Protein backbone atom coordinates (compact mmCIF):
# COMPACT_ATOMS: atom_id res chain seq x y z
CA MET A 1 -10.98 22.41 -3.43
CA GLY A 2 -12.01 21.16 -0.03
CA GLU A 3 -14.75 22.02 2.39
CA GLU A 4 -13.26 25.40 3.26
CA TRP A 5 -14.63 26.66 -0.08
CA LEU A 6 -18.19 25.70 0.86
CA THR A 7 -19.03 28.84 2.80
CA ASN A 8 -21.50 31.64 2.20
CA GLN A 9 -18.61 34.05 1.74
CA TRP A 10 -17.82 32.56 -1.67
CA PHE A 11 -21.27 31.51 -2.89
CA ARG A 12 -23.75 34.34 -2.57
CA PHE A 13 -26.60 35.32 -4.81
CA GLY A 14 -29.39 37.82 -4.53
CA ALA A 15 -32.90 36.51 -4.03
CA SER A 16 -34.31 39.00 -6.55
CA SER A 17 -31.91 37.88 -9.28
CA LEU A 18 -32.76 34.25 -8.52
CA LEU A 19 -36.47 35.03 -8.76
CA ASN A 20 -35.95 36.86 -12.06
CA ASP A 21 -34.07 33.88 -13.47
CA LEU A 22 -36.78 31.46 -12.35
CA LEU A 23 -39.45 33.63 -13.97
CA MET A 24 -37.49 33.80 -17.22
CA GLN A 25 -36.95 30.02 -17.26
CA ARG A 26 -40.65 29.42 -16.58
CA GLN A 27 -41.57 31.73 -19.46
CA LYS A 28 -39.15 29.88 -21.77
CA LEU A 29 -40.60 26.50 -20.83
CA SER A 30 -44.15 27.63 -21.55
CA THR A 31 -43.48 29.60 -24.77
CA GLY A 32 -40.24 28.11 -26.09
CA ARG A 33 -38.42 31.44 -26.03
CA TYR A 34 -37.07 33.91 -23.53
CA SER A 35 -39.08 37.00 -22.76
CA GLY A 36 -37.98 40.56 -23.45
CA PRO A 37 -35.96 42.66 -21.05
CA ASP A 38 -39.07 44.33 -19.63
CA TYR A 39 -40.65 41.05 -18.46
CA VAL A 40 -38.85 41.04 -15.10
CA THR A 41 -37.60 43.81 -12.86
CA VAL A 42 -34.03 45.00 -13.05
CA ASP A 43 -32.27 45.61 -9.76
């Protein structure tokens, strides 16, 4: 696709959603399962 696609206009993510995903993955690694919907905040 070329380097013109590698800009922050096309690839953006929210820091809070990234943190929530990292917390859920950490929980899965330690327990073997994903936590419930109330484990992390919902934005």
